[in-house]
Amino acid sequence: MKNNYVLIDYENVQPKSLAILNGHEFKVIVFVGANQTKIPFELASALQSLGMNAEYVKIGGNGPNALDFHIAFYIGQLAEKDPNGYFHIISRDTGFDPLIKHLKEKKIFAQREKELAEIPLLRISNATSVAEKIEAIVKNLAARGHSRPRKVETLASTINALFLKKLEERELEEIIVQMKRQKLIVVEKENVSYRPPISQP
């Protein structure tokens, strides 16, 4: 199972609580700007409860994109140690997107989410309808870059694995049919190709 790393751009996104992460194994790093002097008690308490799986990084100086460069540096370090890790940058800053594209080209799983609730693993665990499940699957497949499944059978087993192998065969077939109808995937014989937003436009 992949290690999930959550890197929070606290200058840009300030989650008041990490309760949504309960029950999941995440390693959380909160990057705090040089001028940010206060952290809400709920967030500090939640990070403390994660023990060794959580840390703060306080940026030492000011400057355009100073915090962004720190996040990029840490992802580089972590990806070298754990090339199979999945890196979630929590930020509304689209400046991270070229970095994420580059990471995907290097076959490193990375995604930017605007808030914690958008993390694919959390979307998957909270998804109930077929539409919600497809939305979570799209996010997950988009983050895989060039390492997406190329065969229908592999895609089906990948989707089922995302949902901890709890999907019934009929529901799995319905999901793939709906993905074809929505033109998210194209199936020719047993081969699968991907369309935006799964693939890069």
N, C-alpha and C. Protein backbone atom coordinates (compact mmCIF):
# COMPACT_ATOMS: atom_id res chain seq x y z
N MET A 1 0.85 -1.20 0.00
CA MET A 1 0.00 0.00 0.00
C MET A 1 0.89 1.25 0.00
N LYS A 2 0.50 2.24 -0.79
CA LYS A 2 1.29 3.47 -0.89
C LYS A 2 1.20 4.29 0.38
N ASN A 3 2.32 4.95 0.72
CA ASN A 3 2.30 5.95 1.77
C ASN A 3 1.72 7.24 1.21
N ASN A 4 0.81 7.85 1.95
CA ASN A 4 0.19 9.11 1.53
C ASN A 4 0.78 10.26 2.35
N TYR A 5 1.36 11.24 1.63
CA TYR A 5 1.95 12.41 2.26
C TYR A 5 1.07 13.63 1.97
N VAL A 6 0.71 14.35 3.01
CA VAL A 6 -0.12 15.55 2.86
C VAL A 6 0.74 16.76 3.23
N LEU A 7 0.98 17.64 2.24
CA LEU A 7 1.80 18.83 2.45
C LEU A 7 0.88 20.04 2.37
N ILE A 8 0.64 20.68 3.50
CA ILE A 8 -0.34 21.76 3.58
C ILE A 8 0.34 23.12 3.46
N ASP A 9 -0.07 23.88 2.44
CA ASP A 9 0.38 25.27 2.26
C ASP A 9 -0.47 26.15 3.18
N TYR A 10 0.01 26.32 4.42
CA TYR A 10 -0.84 26.97 5.43
C TYR A 10 -1.02 28.47 5.17
N GLU A 11 -0.18 29.07 4.35
CA GLU A 11 -0.41 30.46 3.95
C GLU A 11 -1.66 30.57 3.08
N ASN A 12 -1.93 29.49 2.35
CA ASN A 12 -2.98 29.50 1.34
C ASN A 12 -4.27 28.82 1.80
N VAL A 13 -4.13 27.75 2.58
CA VAL A 13 -5.28 26.98 3.06
C VAL A 13 -5.09 26.75 4.56
N GLN A 14 -6.11 27.11 5.35
CA GLN A 14 -6.02 26.94 6.81
C GLN A 14 -7.11 26.00 7.32
N PRO A 15 -6.88 24.68 7.23
CA PRO A 15 -7.88 23.76 7.79
C PRO A 15 -7.95 23.94 9.30
N LYS A 16 -9.17 24.03 9.82
CA LYS A 16 -9.33 24.22 11.27
C LYS A 16 -9.23 22.89 12.02
N SER A 17 -9.40 21.80 11.28
CA SER A 17 -9.40 20.49 11.91
C SER A 17 -8.85 19.46 10.93
N LEU A 18 -8.31 18.38 11.47
CA LEU A 18 -7.84 17.27 10.64
C LEU A 18 -8.71 16.04 10.85
N ALA A 19 -9.91 16.24 11.40
CA ALA A 19 -10.80 15.11 11.74
C ALA A 19 -11.07 14.23 10.53
N ILE A 20 -11.10 14.82 9.34
CA ILE A 20 -11.42 14.05 8.13
C ILE A 20 -10.35 12.99 7.85
N LEU A 21 -9.16 13.17 8.43
CA LEU A 21 -8.08 12.20 8.21
C LEU A 21 -8.17 11.00 9.16
N ASN A 22 -9.07 11.07 10.14
CA ASN A 22 -9.19 9.98 11.12
C ASN A 22 -9.44 8.64 10.44
N GLY A 23 -8.73 7.63 10.89
CA GLY A 23 -8.93 6.29 10.33
C GLY A 23 -8.08 6.01 9.11
N HIS A 24 -7.28 6.99 8.68
CA HIS A 24 -6.40 6.81 7.52
C HIS A 24 -4.95 7.05 7.94
N GLU A 25 -4.05 6.35 7.27
CA GLU A 25 -2.63 6.52 7.54
C GLU A 25 -2.08 7.61 6.63
N PHE A 26 -1.88 8.80 7.17
CA PHE A 26 -1.29 9.89 6.41
C PHE A 26 -0.08 10.44 7.16
N LYS A 27 0.91 10.88 6.42
CA LYS A 27 2.01 11.64 7.00
C LYS A 27 1.76 13.10 6.62
N VAL A 28 1.62 13.96 7.61
CA VAL A 28 1.19 15.35 7.38
C VAL A 28 2.32 16.32 7.71
N ILE A 29 2.58 17.24 6.76
CA ILE A 29 3.55 18.31 7.00
C ILE A 29 2.83 19.63 6.75
N VAL A 30 2.83 20.50 7.76
CA VAL A 30 2.19 21.81 7.64
C VAL A 30 3.30 22.86 7.45
N PHE A 31 3.24 23.57 6.31
CA PHE A 31 4.23 24.61 6.01
C PHE A 31 3.66 25.96 6.42
N VAL A 32 4.30 26.59 7.38
CA VAL A 32 3.80 27.83 7.98
C VAL A 32 4.67 29.00 7.54
N GLY A 33 4.02 30.08 7.09
CA GLY A 33 4.74 31.26 6.62
C GLY A 33 5.47 31.99 7.74
N ALA A 34 6.47 32.78 7.35
CA ALA A 34 7.29 33.49 8.34
C ALA A 34 6.47 34.43 9.21
N ASN A 35 5.39 35.00 8.64
CA ASN A 35 4.58 35.97 9.38
C ASN A 35 3.39 35.34 10.10
N GLN A 36 3.23 34.04 9.98
CA GLN A 36 2.12 33.36 10.64
C GLN A 36 2.56 32.93 12.04
N THR A 37 1.94 33.51 13.04
CA THR A 37 2.38 33.28 14.42
C THR A 37 1.41 32.46 15.25
N LYS A 38 0.20 32.19 14.72
CA LYS A 38 -0.80 31.47 15.51
C LYS A 38 -1.36 30.29 14.73
N ILE A 39 -1.52 29.17 15.43
CA ILE A 39 -2.16 27.97 14.89
C ILE A 39 -3.35 27.65 15.77
N PRO A 40 -4.55 27.39 15.20
CA PRO A 40 -5.70 27.05 16.05
C PRO A 40 -5.43 25.83 16.93
N PHE A 41 -5.96 25.84 18.13
CA PHE A 41 -5.75 24.74 19.07
C PHE A 41 -6.16 23.40 18.47
N GLU A 42 -7.33 23.36 17.76
CA GLU A 42 -7.83 22.10 17.22
C GLU A 42 -6.82 21.48 16.24
N LEU A 43 -6.21 22.34 15.40
CA LEU A 43 -5.24 21.85 14.43
C LEU A 43 -3.97 21.36 15.14
N ALA A 44 -3.49 22.16 16.08
CA ALA A 44 -2.27 21.78 16.82
C ALA A 44 -2.49 20.47 17.57
N SER A 45 -3.65 20.32 18.19
CA SER A 45 -3.97 19.11 18.94
C SER A 45 -4.04 17.90 18.01
N ALA A 46 -4.67 18.09 16.84
CA ALA A 46 -4.80 16.98 15.88
C ALA A 46 -3.43 16.55 15.37
N LEU A 47 -2.56 17.52 15.08
CA LEU A 47 -1.22 17.19 14.62
C LEU A 47 -0.44 16.46 15.70
N GLN A 48 -0.60 16.91 16.93
CA GLN A 48 0.10 16.28 18.04
C GLN A 48 -0.33 14.82 18.19
N SER A 49 -1.63 14.57 17.97
CA SER A 49 -2.14 13.21 18.12
C SER A 49 -1.60 12.27 17.03
N LEU A 50 -1.11 12.84 15.92
CA LEU A 50 -0.53 12.02 14.86
C LEU A 50 0.90 11.59 15.18
N GLY A 51 1.47 12.17 16.22
CA GLY A 51 2.81 11.77 16.66
C GLY A 51 3.86 11.96 15.59
N MET A 52 4.59 10.87 15.30
CA MET A 52 5.69 10.92 14.32
C MET A 52 5.21 11.14 12.90
N ASN A 53 3.90 11.01 12.67
CA ASN A 53 3.35 11.17 11.31
C ASN A 53 2.98 12.61 11.00
N ALA A 54 3.37 13.56 11.85
CA ALA A 54 3.04 14.96 11.60
C ALA A 54 4.20 15.86 12.02
N GLU A 55 4.37 16.95 11.28
CA GLU A 55 5.39 17.93 11.65
C GLU A 55 5.04 19.29 11.05
N TYR A 56 5.63 20.33 11.65
CA TYR A 56 5.54 21.69 11.12
C TYR A 56 6.85 22.03 10.43
N VAL A 57 6.76 22.84 9.38
CA VAL A 57 7.95 23.46 8.81
C VAL A 57 7.69 24.95 8.78
N LYS A 58 8.44 25.69 9.58
CA LYS A 58 8.30 27.15 9.64
C LYS A 58 9.28 27.77 8.65
N ILE A 59 8.75 28.59 7.73
CA ILE A 59 9.59 29.22 6.72
C ILE A 59 10.41 30.33 7.39
N GLY A 60 11.71 30.35 7.11
CA GLY A 60 12.59 31.28 7.80
C GLY A 60 12.54 32.70 7.30
N GLY A 61 12.13 32.94 6.08
CA GLY A 61 12.14 34.29 5.54
C GLY A 61 10.98 34.54 4.61
N ASN A 62 10.82 35.80 4.22
CA ASN A 62 9.75 36.19 3.31
C ASN A 62 10.28 36.25 1.88
N GLY A 63 9.35 36.31 0.95
CA GLY A 63 9.71 36.42 -0.46
C GLY A 63 8.68 35.73 -1.30
N PRO A 64 8.56 36.15 -2.56
CA PRO A 64 7.58 35.52 -3.44
C PRO A 64 7.84 34.02 -3.55
N ASN A 65 6.81 33.25 -3.31
CA ASN A 65 6.86 31.79 -3.46
C ASN A 65 7.84 31.10 -2.52
N ALA A 66 8.25 31.76 -1.44
CA ALA A 66 9.21 31.14 -0.51
C ALA A 66 8.67 29.82 0.02
N LEU A 67 7.42 29.82 0.43
CA LEU A 67 6.82 28.61 0.99
C LEU A 67 6.70 27.52 -0.09
N ASP A 68 6.33 27.92 -1.31
CA ASP A 68 6.17 26.96 -2.41
C ASP A 68 7.49 26.22 -2.68
N PHE A 69 8.60 26.96 -2.64
CA PHE A 69 9.90 26.33 -2.88
C PHE A 69 10.23 25.31 -1.80
N HIS A 70 9.83 25.62 -0.57
CA HIS A 70 10.05 24.67 0.52
C HIS A 70 9.27 23.38 0.28
N ILE A 71 8.02 23.51 -0.13
CA ILE A 71 7.19 22.32 -0.41
C ILE A 71 7.82 21.50 -1.53
N ALA A 72 8.27 22.18 -2.59
CA ALA A 72 8.90 21.48 -3.72
C ALA A 72 10.15 20.72 -3.25
N PHE A 73 10.95 21.36 -2.40
CA PHE A 73 12.17 20.73 -1.88
C PHE A 73 11.82 19.48 -1.07
N TYR A 74 10.83 19.59 -0.20
CA TYR A 74 10.46 18.45 0.65
C TYR A 74 9.91 17.29 -0.19
N ILE A 75 9.12 17.61 -1.22
CA ILE A 75 8.61 16.52 -2.08
C ILE A 75 9.77 15.81 -2.75
N GLY A 76 10.76 16.58 -3.21
CA GLY A 76 11.94 15.97 -3.84
C GLY A 76 12.65 15.02 -2.88
N GLN A 77 12.84 15.47 -1.64
CA GLN A 77 13.49 14.62 -0.64
C GLN A 77 12.67 13.35 -0.36
N LEU A 78 11.37 13.55 -0.15
CA LEU A 78 10.50 12.41 0.19
C LEU A 78 10.40 11.43 -0.97
N ALA A 79 10.30 11.96 -2.20
CA ALA A 79 10.15 11.09 -3.37
C ALA A 79 11.41 10.26 -3.60
N GLU A 80 12.56 10.82 -3.23
CA GLU A 80 13.81 10.04 -3.35
C GLU A 80 13.81 8.88 -2.36
N LYS A 81 13.32 9.13 -1.15
CA LYS A 81 13.27 8.08 -0.13
C LYS A 81 12.14 7.09 -0.39
N ASP A 82 11.02 7.60 -0.91
CA ASP A 82 9.82 6.78 -1.09
C ASP A 82 9.23 7.04 -2.48
N PRO A 83 9.87 6.47 -3.53
CA PRO A 83 9.42 6.76 -4.91
C PRO A 83 8.00 6.30 -5.21
N ASN A 84 7.45 5.40 -4.38
CA ASN A 84 6.08 4.94 -4.60
C ASN A 84 5.06 5.70 -3.77
N GLY A 85 5.50 6.74 -3.06
CA GLY A 85 4.58 7.53 -2.24
C GLY A 85 3.59 8.32 -3.09
N TYR A 86 2.53 8.78 -2.45
CA TYR A 86 1.50 9.59 -3.11
C TYR A 86 1.50 10.94 -2.38
N PHE A 87 1.79 12.00 -3.13
CA PHE A 87 1.99 13.32 -2.52
C PHE A 87 0.79 14.23 -2.82
N HIS A 88 0.18 14.72 -1.75
CA HIS A 88 -0.98 15.61 -1.87
C HIS A 88 -0.57 17.01 -1.39
N ILE A 89 -0.54 17.95 -2.32
CA ILE A 89 -0.28 19.34 -1.93
C ILE A 89 -1.64 20.01 -1.71
N ILE A 90 -1.86 20.51 -0.51
CA ILE A 90 -3.13 21.17 -0.20
C ILE A 90 -2.92 22.68 -0.35
N SER A 91 -3.40 23.22 -1.46
CA SER A 91 -3.21 24.64 -1.77
C SER A 91 -4.14 25.05 -2.90
N ARG A 92 -4.53 26.31 -2.89
CA ARG A 92 -5.31 26.85 -4.02
C ARG A 92 -4.39 27.48 -5.06
N ASP A 93 -3.11 27.45 -4.82
CA ASP A 93 -2.11 28.09 -5.68
C ASP A 93 -1.84 27.23 -6.91
N THR A 94 -2.27 27.70 -8.08
CA THR A 94 -2.08 26.93 -9.32
C THR A 94 -0.62 26.90 -9.75
N GLY A 95 0.23 27.70 -9.08
CA GLY A 95 1.66 27.69 -9.40
C GLY A 95 2.31 26.33 -9.17
N PHE A 96 1.66 25.47 -8.37
CA PHE A 96 2.19 24.13 -8.13
C PHE A 96 1.96 23.19 -9.32
N ASP A 97 1.03 23.54 -10.20
CA ASP A 97 0.61 22.60 -11.24
C ASP A 97 1.73 22.18 -12.20
N PRO A 98 2.63 23.12 -12.63
CA PRO A 98 3.75 22.66 -13.48
C PRO A 98 4.66 21.66 -12.76
N LEU A 99 4.86 21.86 -11.46
CA LEU A 99 5.65 20.91 -10.67
C LEU A 99 4.98 19.54 -10.67
N ILE A 100 3.67 19.54 -10.45
CA ILE A 100 2.92 18.28 -10.39
C ILE A 100 2.97 17.56 -11.73
N LYS A 101 2.86 18.32 -12.82
CA LYS A 101 2.95 17.72 -14.16
C LYS A 101 4.32 17.07 -14.35
N HIS A 102 5.36 17.76 -13.90
CA HIS A 102 6.72 17.22 -14.03
C HIS A 102 6.88 15.95 -13.19
N LEU A 103 6.34 15.95 -11.98
CA LEU A 103 6.42 14.77 -11.12
C LEU A 103 5.72 13.57 -11.77
N LYS A 104 4.56 13.83 -12.37
CA LYS A 104 3.83 12.74 -13.03
C LYS A 104 4.64 12.18 -14.20
N GLU A 105 5.33 13.07 -14.93
CA GLU A 105 6.16 12.61 -16.04
C GLU A 105 7.29 11.71 -15.54
N LYS A 106 7.69 11.94 -14.28
CA LYS A 106 8.73 11.12 -13.66
C LYS A 106 8.14 9.91 -12.95
N LYS A 107 6.83 9.67 -13.20
CA LYS A 107 6.11 8.55 -12.60
C LYS A 107 6.03 8.65 -11.07
N ILE A 108 5.95 9.88 -10.57
CA ILE A 108 5.75 10.12 -9.14
C ILE A 108 4.31 10.56 -8.95
N PHE A 109 3.58 9.89 -8.07
CA PHE A 109 2.18 10.19 -7.83
C PHE A 109 2.07 11.51 -7.06
N ALA A 110 1.42 12.49 -7.67
CA ALA A 110 1.27 13.79 -7.01
C ALA A 110 -0.01 14.45 -7.50
N GLN A 111 -0.62 15.21 -6.62
CA GLN A 111 -1.86 15.90 -6.94
C GLN A 111 -1.98 17.14 -6.06
N ARG A 112 -2.57 18.19 -6.62
CA ARG A 112 -2.89 19.36 -5.80
C ARG A 112 -4.38 19.35 -5.51
N GLU A 113 -4.74 19.50 -4.24
CA GLU A 113 -6.14 19.61 -3.85
C GLU A 113 -6.34 20.93 -3.12
N LYS A 114 -7.52 21.52 -3.30
CA LYS A 114 -7.80 22.81 -2.67
C LYS A 114 -8.13 22.67 -1.19
N GLU A 115 -8.52 21.47 -0.80
CA GLU A 115 -8.84 21.22 0.61
C GLU A 115 -8.66 19.74 0.90
N LEU A 116 -8.58 19.41 2.17
CA LEU A 116 -8.33 18.02 2.56
C LEU A 116 -9.38 17.06 2.02
N ALA A 117 -10.64 17.51 1.99
CA ALA A 117 -11.74 16.62 1.57
C ALA A 117 -11.61 16.17 0.12
N GLU A 118 -10.76 16.85 -0.68
CA GLU A 118 -10.59 16.48 -2.09
C GLU A 118 -9.58 15.35 -2.29
N ILE A 119 -8.85 14.97 -1.25
CA ILE A 119 -7.86 13.89 -1.39
C ILE A 119 -8.60 12.64 -1.86
N PRO A 120 -8.14 12.04 -2.98
CA PRO A 120 -8.88 10.91 -3.55
C PRO A 120 -9.21 9.80 -2.57
N LEU A 121 -8.26 9.42 -1.71
CA LEU A 121 -8.52 8.35 -0.75
C LEU A 121 -9.69 8.69 0.16
N LEU A 122 -9.81 9.97 0.54
CA LEU A 122 -10.92 10.40 1.40
C LEU A 122 -12.22 10.46 0.61
N ARG A 123 -12.13 10.91 -0.63
CA ARG A 123 -13.33 10.92 -1.48
C ARG A 123 -13.85 9.51 -1.67
N ILE A 124 -12.91 8.58 -1.88
CA ILE A 124 -13.30 7.18 -2.09
C ILE A 124 -13.99 6.62 -0.86
N SER A 125 -13.40 6.87 0.31
CA SER A 125 -13.99 6.29 1.53
C SER A 125 -15.34 6.91 1.87
N ASN A 126 -15.58 8.14 1.37
CA ASN A 126 -16.85 8.81 1.67
C ASN A 126 -17.87 8.70 0.53
N ALA A 127 -17.46 8.12 -0.60
CA ALA A 127 -18.34 8.05 -1.77
C ALA A 127 -19.42 6.99 -1.58
N THR A 128 -20.65 7.34 -1.93
CA THR A 128 -21.73 6.38 -1.83
C THR A 128 -22.39 6.15 -3.20
N SER A 129 -22.67 7.21 -3.95
CA SER A 129 -23.32 7.06 -5.25
C SER A 129 -22.28 6.71 -6.32
N VAL A 130 -22.76 6.20 -7.46
CA VAL A 130 -21.87 5.90 -8.60
C VAL A 130 -21.17 7.17 -9.06
N ALA A 131 -21.89 8.30 -9.10
CA ALA A 131 -21.31 9.56 -9.55
C ALA A 131 -20.15 9.98 -8.64
N GLU A 132 -20.33 9.84 -7.32
CA GLU A 132 -19.26 10.20 -6.37
C GLU A 132 -18.07 9.26 -6.53
N LYS A 133 -18.36 7.99 -6.78
CA LYS A 133 -17.28 7.02 -6.95
C LYS A 133 -16.48 7.33 -8.22
N ILE A 134 -17.19 7.68 -9.29
CA ILE A 134 -16.50 8.01 -10.54
C ILE A 134 -15.64 9.25 -10.36
N GLU A 135 -16.15 10.23 -9.65
CA GLU A 135 -15.39 11.46 -9.39
C GLU A 135 -14.09 11.13 -8.65
N ALA A 136 -14.18 10.24 -7.67
CA ALA A 136 -12.99 9.83 -6.90
C ALA A 136 -12.03 9.03 -7.78
N ILE A 137 -12.57 8.16 -8.62
CA ILE A 137 -11.74 7.35 -9.52
C ILE A 137 -10.99 8.24 -10.51
N VAL A 138 -11.69 9.23 -11.06
CA VAL A 138 -11.07 10.17 -12.02
C VAL A 138 -9.88 10.86 -11.39
N LYS A 139 -10.05 11.34 -10.16
CA LYS A 139 -8.97 12.01 -9.43
C LYS A 139 -7.78 11.08 -9.27
N ASN A 140 -8.07 9.85 -8.88
CA ASN A 140 -7.00 8.89 -8.64
C ASN A 140 -6.25 8.56 -9.94
N LEU A 141 -7.00 8.31 -11.01
CA LEU A 141 -6.36 7.96 -12.28
C LEU A 141 -5.56 9.14 -12.84
N ALA A 142 -6.08 10.36 -12.66
CA ALA A 142 -5.36 11.55 -13.15
C ALA A 142 -4.00 11.67 -12.47
N ALA A 143 -3.96 11.33 -11.18
CA ALA A 143 -2.71 11.44 -10.42
C ALA A 143 -1.69 10.39 -10.83
N ARG A 144 -2.13 9.34 -11.50
CA ARG A 144 -1.21 8.25 -11.87
C ARG A 144 -0.35 8.58 -13.08
N GLY A 145 -0.69 9.65 -13.79
CA GLY A 145 0.13 10.01 -14.96
C GLY A 145 0.17 8.88 -15.97
N HIS A 146 1.38 8.51 -16.38
CA HIS A 146 1.53 7.50 -17.44
C HIS A 146 1.42 6.07 -16.92
N SER A 147 1.25 5.91 -15.63
CA SER A 147 1.17 4.54 -15.09
C SER A 147 -0.27 4.08 -14.89
N ARG A 148 -1.18 4.62 -15.71
CA ARG A 148 -2.58 4.19 -15.62
C ARG A 148 -2.76 2.82 -16.28
N PRO A 149 -3.75 2.05 -15.84
CA PRO A 149 -4.00 0.73 -16.45
C PRO A 149 -4.29 0.86 -17.94
N ARG A 150 -3.80 -0.09 -18.73
CA ARG A 150 -3.98 -0.05 -20.19
C ARG A 150 -4.99 -1.07 -20.70
N LYS A 151 -5.41 -1.97 -19.83
CA LYS A 151 -6.38 -3.00 -20.21
C LYS A 151 -7.63 -2.86 -19.35
N VAL A 152 -8.79 -3.24 -19.91
CA VAL A 152 -10.07 -3.14 -19.18
C VAL A 152 -10.01 -3.96 -17.90
N GLU A 153 -9.47 -5.15 -17.99
CA GLU A 153 -9.42 -6.03 -16.81
C GLU A 153 -8.57 -5.40 -15.70
N THR A 154 -7.44 -4.81 -16.10
CA THR A 154 -6.57 -4.17 -15.10
C THR A 154 -7.23 -2.94 -14.51
N LEU A 155 -7.94 -2.18 -15.35
CA LEU A 155 -8.67 -1.01 -14.86
C LEU A 155 -9.72 -1.44 -13.83
N ALA A 156 -10.46 -2.50 -14.14
CA ALA A 156 -11.50 -2.98 -13.22
C ALA A 156 -10.89 -3.40 -11.88
N SER A 157 -9.76 -4.11 -11.92
CA SER A 157 -9.14 -4.55 -10.66
C SER A 157 -8.55 -3.38 -9.90
N THR A 158 -8.06 -2.36 -10.63
CA THR A 158 -7.52 -1.15 -9.99
C THR A 158 -8.64 -0.40 -9.27
N ILE A 159 -9.79 -0.25 -9.95
CA ILE A 159 -10.93 0.43 -9.33
C ILE A 159 -11.40 -0.32 -8.10
N ASN A 160 -11.50 -1.64 -8.22
CA ASN A 160 -11.96 -2.45 -7.09
C ASN A 160 -10.99 -2.34 -5.91
N ALA A 161 -9.69 -2.30 -6.21
CA ALA A 161 -8.68 -2.17 -5.15
C ALA A 161 -8.83 -0.82 -4.43
N LEU A 162 -9.19 0.23 -5.17
CA LEU A 162 -9.39 1.55 -4.55
C LEU A 162 -10.48 1.48 -3.49
N PHE A 163 -11.48 0.67 -3.76
CA PHE A 163 -12.60 0.53 -2.83
C PHE A 163 -12.45 -0.71 -1.94
N LEU A 164 -11.17 -1.07 -1.71
CA LEU A 164 -10.82 -2.18 -0.81
C LEU A 164 -11.51 -3.48 -1.20
N LYS A 165 -11.71 -3.65 -2.52
CA LYS A 165 -12.30 -4.86 -3.09
C LYS A 165 -13.69 -5.16 -2.55
N LYS A 166 -14.44 -4.09 -2.29
CA LYS A 166 -15.79 -4.25 -1.75
C LYS A 166 -16.88 -4.05 -2.80
N LEU A 167 -16.48 -3.76 -4.05
CA LEU A 167 -17.49 -3.52 -5.09
C LEU A 167 -17.98 -4.86 -5.64
N GLU A 168 -19.29 -4.94 -5.85
CA GLU A 168 -19.84 -6.12 -6.52
C GLU A 168 -19.54 -6.02 -8.01
N GLU A 169 -19.48 -7.15 -8.68
CA GLU A 169 -19.11 -7.17 -10.10
C GLU A 169 -20.06 -6.32 -10.93
N ARG A 170 -21.36 -6.36 -10.60
CA ARG A 170 -22.34 -5.57 -11.35
C ARG A 170 -22.07 -4.07 -11.21
N GLU A 171 -21.73 -3.65 -9.99
CA GLU A 171 -21.46 -2.23 -9.76
C GLU A 171 -20.18 -1.81 -10.48
N LEU A 172 -19.19 -2.66 -10.49
CA LEU A 172 -17.93 -2.39 -11.17
C LEU A 172 -18.16 -2.22 -12.67
N GLU A 173 -18.96 -3.11 -13.24
CA GLU A 173 -19.29 -3.02 -14.67
C GLU A 173 -20.04 -1.71 -14.97
N GLU A 174 -20.97 -1.33 -14.08
CA GLU A 174 -21.75 -0.10 -14.26
C GLU A 174 -20.83 1.13 -14.23
N ILE A 175 -19.86 1.12 -13.34
CA ILE A 175 -18.92 2.25 -13.26
C ILE A 175 -18.15 2.40 -14.57
N ILE A 176 -17.67 1.29 -15.13
CA ILE A 176 -16.90 1.34 -16.38
C ILE A 176 -17.79 1.78 -17.54
N VAL A 177 -19.03 1.29 -17.57
CA VAL A 177 -19.99 1.71 -18.61
C VAL A 177 -20.23 3.22 -18.52
N GLN A 178 -20.43 3.72 -17.31
CA GLN A 178 -20.67 5.16 -17.12
C GLN A 178 -19.45 5.99 -17.52
N MET A 179 -18.27 5.49 -17.22
CA MET A 179 -17.05 6.20 -17.61
C MET A 179 -16.92 6.28 -19.13
N LYS A 180 -17.35 5.21 -19.82
CA LYS A 180 -17.35 5.24 -21.30
C LYS A 180 -18.38 6.25 -21.81
N ARG A 181 -19.58 6.22 -21.21
CA ARG A 181 -20.64 7.15 -21.64
C ARG A 181 -20.23 8.60 -21.45
N GLN A 182 -19.51 8.87 -20.36
CA GLN A 182 -19.08 10.24 -20.06
C GLN A 182 -17.81 10.61 -20.83
N LYS A 183 -17.36 9.67 -21.70
CA LYS A 183 -16.16 9.90 -22.53
C LYS A 183 -14.91 10.18 -21.70
N LEU A 184 -14.86 9.57 -20.52
CA LEU A 184 -13.66 9.65 -19.69
C LEU A 184 -12.63 8.63 -20.15
N ILE A 185 -13.15 7.51 -20.69
CA ILE A 185 -12.27 6.47 -21.23
C ILE A 185 -12.80 6.05 -22.60
N VAL A 186 -11.88 5.51 -23.41
CA VAL A 186 -12.25 4.92 -24.70
C VAL A 186 -11.73 3.49 -24.68
N VAL A 187 -12.63 2.54 -24.98
CA VAL A 187 -12.25 1.13 -24.97
C VAL A 187 -12.29 0.60 -26.39
N GLU A 188 -11.16 0.06 -26.84
CA GLU A 188 -11.07 -0.59 -28.15
C GLU A 188 -10.57 -2.00 -27.92
N LYS A 189 -11.44 -2.97 -28.21
CA LYS A 189 -11.19 -4.36 -27.86
C LYS A 189 -10.97 -4.40 -26.34
N GLU A 190 -9.80 -4.79 -25.88
CA GLU A 190 -9.56 -4.83 -24.43
C GLU A 190 -8.64 -3.71 -23.97
N ASN A 191 -8.32 -2.79 -24.87
CA ASN A 191 -7.40 -1.69 -24.54
C ASN A 191 -8.17 -0.46 -24.08
N VAL A 192 -7.59 0.25 -23.11
CA VAL A 192 -8.22 1.45 -22.57
C VAL A 192 -7.32 2.65 -22.83
N SER A 193 -7.91 3.75 -23.33
CA SER A 193 -7.19 5.03 -23.38
C SER A 193 -8.03 6.05 -22.63
N TYR A 194 -7.39 7.13 -22.25
CA TYR A 194 -8.02 8.09 -21.32
C TYR A 194 -8.18 9.46 -21.98
N ARG A 195 -9.22 10.15 -21.56
CA ARG A 195 -9.52 11.50 -22.04
C ARG A 195 -9.49 12.47 -20.86
N PRO A 196 -9.36 13.78 -21.13
CA PRO A 196 -9.43 14.75 -20.04
C PRO A 196 -10.77 14.61 -19.32
N PRO A 197 -10.81 14.82 -18.01
CA PRO A 197 -9.74 15.34 -17.16
C PRO A 197 -8.78 14.29 -16.63
N ILE A 198 -8.94 13.00 -17.03
CA ILE A 198 -8.00 11.99 -16.53
C ILE A 198 -6.63 12.20 -17.17
N SER A 199 -6.61 12.31 -18.50
CA SER A 199 -5.34 12.57 -19.18
C SER A 199 -5.14 14.08 -19.26
N GLN A 200 -3.90 14.47 -19.54
CA GLN A 200 -3.64 15.91 -19.70
C GLN A 200 -4.23 16.36 -21.02
N PRO A 201 -4.90 17.53 -21.04
CA PRO A 201 -5.47 18.01 -22.32
C PRO A 201 -4.42 18.25 -23.35
